[in-house]
């Protein structure tokens, strides 16, 4: 289990780097969409917002399977996974994310569903703008929490040695 925990901590740190790139791409794409009013930039922003949440969800699935031993199932498993990450599992791990973060991320989860299920020309620019504006603060919060969790994993390994 020691190797798996350290591997998970490393994966969290690596994914934070990739998520930073995604956040930068969202901001750059949004600026270009505002300057040119080209819908294709809006599509790019939406796809990168989708990627932002998708990257986080992959990390949450890894935590669920590696540490918790179970990933939620069923039609609403995406929402249940968020709730699982915001819950402490006694004698196993603290909450990975806070209740405040779950609320913010749930908007991105919902938007990801929209990206997957509508034509790109149907994106609501006001909805996208709202998510873009919130993204830096949301990312900073989730980054802090995930890095704190990675530190926790490393501390658990050190305690066990």
Protein backbone atom coordinates (compact mmCIF):
# COMPACT_ATOMS: atom_id res chain seq x y z
CA UNK A 1 0.00 0.00 0.00
CA UNK A 2 2.94 2.33 0.65
CA UNK A 3 3.87 2.46 -3.02
CA UNK A 4 0.29 3.05 -4.05
CA UNK A 5 -0.10 5.98 -1.64
CA UNK A 6 3.14 7.60 -2.80
CA UNK A 7 2.13 7.00 -6.40
CA UNK A 8 -1.21 8.69 -5.75
CA UNK A 9 0.49 11.66 -4.09
CA UNK A 10 2.79 12.00 -7.12
CA UNK A 11 -0.14 11.71 -9.51
CA UNK A 12 -1.99 14.48 -7.66
CA UNK A 13 1.03 16.76 -7.95
CA UNK A 14 1.47 15.93 -11.64
CA UNK A 15 -2.19 16.53 -12.40
CA UNK A 16 -2.08 19.92 -10.66
CA UNK A 17 0.53 20.96 -13.23
CA UNK A 18 -1.72 19.80 -16.07
CA UNK A 19 -4.78 21.46 -14.55
CA UNK A 20 -2.83 24.72 -14.31
CA UNK A 21 -2.26 24.50 -18.06
CA UNK A 22 -5.98 23.92 -18.62
CA UNK A 23 -6.89 26.96 -16.50
CA UNK A 24 -4.46 29.08 -18.51
CA UNK A 25 -5.98 27.80 -21.76
CA UNK A 26 -9.46 28.68 -20.52
CA UNK A 27 -8.40 32.23 -19.71
CA UNK A 28 -6.54 32.66 -23.00
CA UNK A 29 -9.41 31.25 -25.02
CA UNK A 30 -11.91 33.45 -23.23
CA UNK A 31 -9.84 36.58 -23.91
CA UNK A 32 -9.65 35.68 -27.59
CA UNK A 33 -13.38 34.99 -27.75
CA UNK A 34 -14.06 38.44 -26.33
CA UNK A 35 -11.65 40.15 -28.73
CA UNK A 36 -12.77 38.40 -31.89
CA UNK A 37 -16.32 37.33 -31.06
CA UNK A 38 -15.49 34.09 -32.87
CA UNK A 39 -17.69 31.23 -31.64
CA UNK A 40 -14.85 28.78 -32.16
CA UNK A 41 -13.00 30.30 -29.21
CA UNK A 42 -16.09 29.80 -27.06
CA UNK A 43 -16.09 26.15 -28.12
CA UNK A 44 -12.44 25.89 -27.07
CA UNK A 45 -13.19 27.43 -23.69
CA UNK A 46 -16.07 25.02 -23.13
CA UNK A 47 -13.94 22.03 -24.07
CA UNK A 48 -11.19 23.13 -21.67
CA UNK A 49 -13.72 23.68 -18.87
CA UNK A 50 -14.84 20.11 -19.58
CA UNK A 51 -11.21 19.00 -19.37
CA UNK A 52 -10.72 20.82 -16.07
CA UNK A 53 -13.50 18.93 -14.37
CA UNK A 54 -12.60 15.68 -16.11
CA UNK A 55 -9.05 15.88 -14.75
CA UNK A 56 -10.32 16.43 -11.24
CA UNK A 57 -12.80 13.59 -11.53
CA UNK A 58 -10.04 11.20 -12.64
CA UNK A 59 -8.09 12.14 -9.51
CA UNK A 60 -11.16 11.63 -7.35
CA UNK A 61 -11.71 8.20 -8.90
CA UNK A 62 -8.10 7.30 -8.09
CA UNK A 63 -8.53 8.38 -4.48
CA UNK A 64 -11.78 6.43 -4.25
CA UNK A 65 -10.27 3.25 -5.64
CA UNK A 66 -6.81 3.48 -4.04
CA UNK A 67 -7.65 4.79 -0.57
CA UNK A 68 -11.36 4.20 -0.06
CA UNK A 69 -11.54 0.89 -1.88
CA UNK A 70 -14.73 1.78 -3.76
CA UNK A 71 -15.93 4.06 -6.52
CA UNK A 72 -19.63 4.95 -6.57
CA UNK A 73 -21.85 3.22 -9.11
CA UNK A 74 -25.18 4.02 -10.70
CA UNK A 75 -26.73 6.80 -12.71
CA UNK A 76 -25.63 9.61 -10.38
CA UNK A 77 -22.14 8.26 -9.59
CA UNK A 78 -20.48 11.53 -10.65
CA UNK A 79 -22.32 13.47 -7.95
CA UNK A 80 -21.81 10.69 -5.40
CA UNK A 81 -18.08 10.74 -6.11
CA UNK A 82 -17.94 14.45 -5.29
CA UNK A 83 -19.80 13.81 -2.05
CA UNK A 84 -17.45 10.94 -1.22
CA UNK A 85 -14.44 13.23 -1.67
CA UNK A 86 -15.98 15.77 0.71
CA UNK A 87 -16.48 13.14 3.39
CA UNK A 88 -13.96 12.04 5.96
CA UNK A 89 -13.49 8.30 6.23
CA UNK A 90 -12.68 7.66 9.85
CA UNK A 91 -9.29 6.15 10.48
CA UNK A 92 -8.55 6.14 6.74
CA UNK A 93 -8.42 9.68 5.45
CA UNK A 94 -9.65 13.24 5.95
CA UNK A 95 -12.03 14.83 3.48
CA UNK A 96 -10.19 15.43 0.22
CA UNK A 97 -12.18 18.57 -0.59
CA UNK A 98 -14.30 20.91 1.50
CA UNK A 99 -18.06 21.43 1.35
CA UNK A 100 -17.39 24.85 -0.20
CA UNK A 101 -15.35 23.22 -2.96
CA UNK A 102 -17.96 20.55 -3.67
CA UNK A 103 -20.54 23.29 -4.28
CA UNK A 104 -18.24 25.13 -6.69
CA UNK A 105 -17.14 21.98 -8.52
CA UNK A 106 -20.70 20.80 -8.93
CA UNK A 107 -21.26 23.66 -11.39
CA UNK A 108 -18.35 22.42 -13.51
CA UNK A 109 -19.64 18.85 -13.27
CA UNK A 110 -23.00 20.00 -14.56
CA UNK A 111 -21.42 22.01 -17.35
CA UNK A 112 -19.35 19.03 -18.41
CA UNK A 113 -22.61 17.15 -18.92
CA UNK A 114 -23.83 19.97 -21.16
CA UNK A 115 -20.63 19.89 -23.21
CA UNK A 116 -21.09 16.18 -23.77
CA UNK A 117 -24.74 16.39 -24.73
CA UNK A 118 -25.44 19.50 -26.83
CA UNK A 119 -24.19 20.94 -30.06
CA UNK A 120 -21.40 23.47 -29.56
CA UNK A 121 -23.41 26.27 -31.15
CA UNK A 122 -25.89 25.89 -28.28
CA UNK A 123 -23.47 26.91 -25.50
CA UNK A 124 -24.73 29.81 -23.43
CA UNK A 125 -21.96 32.44 -23.46
CA UNK A 126 -23.20 33.93 -20.18
CA UNK A 127 -22.99 30.53 -18.45
CA UNK A 128 -19.51 30.00 -19.85
CA UNK A 129 -18.44 33.47 -18.72
CA UNK A 130 -19.66 32.79 -15.19
CA UNK A 131 -17.60 29.58 -15.02
CA UNK A 132 -14.54 31.29 -16.51
CA UNK A 133 -14.71 34.11 -13.97
CA UNK A 134 -14.97 31.69 -11.04
CA UNK A 135 -12.29 29.31 -12.32
CA UNK A 136 -9.14 30.93 -10.85
CA UNK A 137 -10.61 31.00 -7.33
CA UNK A 138 -12.10 27.52 -7.60
CA UNK A 139 -8.83 26.13 -8.93
CA UNK A 140 -6.80 27.80 -6.19
CA UNK A 141 -9.07 26.29 -3.55
CA UNK A 142 -9.10 22.77 -5.01
CA UNK A 143 -5.34 22.94 -5.65
CA UNK A 144 -4.70 23.81 -2.00
CA UNK A 145 -6.94 20.99 -0.83
CA UNK A 146 -5.50 18.40 -3.20
CA UNK A 147 -1.91 19.30 -2.34
CA UNK A 148 -2.85 19.09 1.34
CA UNK A 149 -4.23 15.62 0.69
CA UNK A 150 -1.05 14.62 -1.15
CA UNK A 151 0.91 15.78 1.92
CA UNK A 152 -1.39 13.67 4.10
CA UNK A 153 -0.69 10.59 1.97
CA UNK A 154 3.06 11.12 2.24
CA UNK A 155 2.78 11.59 6.01
CA UNK A 156 0.88 8.33 6.31
CA UNK A 157 3.68 6.54 4.48
CA UNK A 158 6.30 8.12 6.76
CA UNK A 159 4.34 7.05 9.85
CA UNK A 160 4.22 3.50 8.56
CA UNK A 161 7.96 3.24 7.89
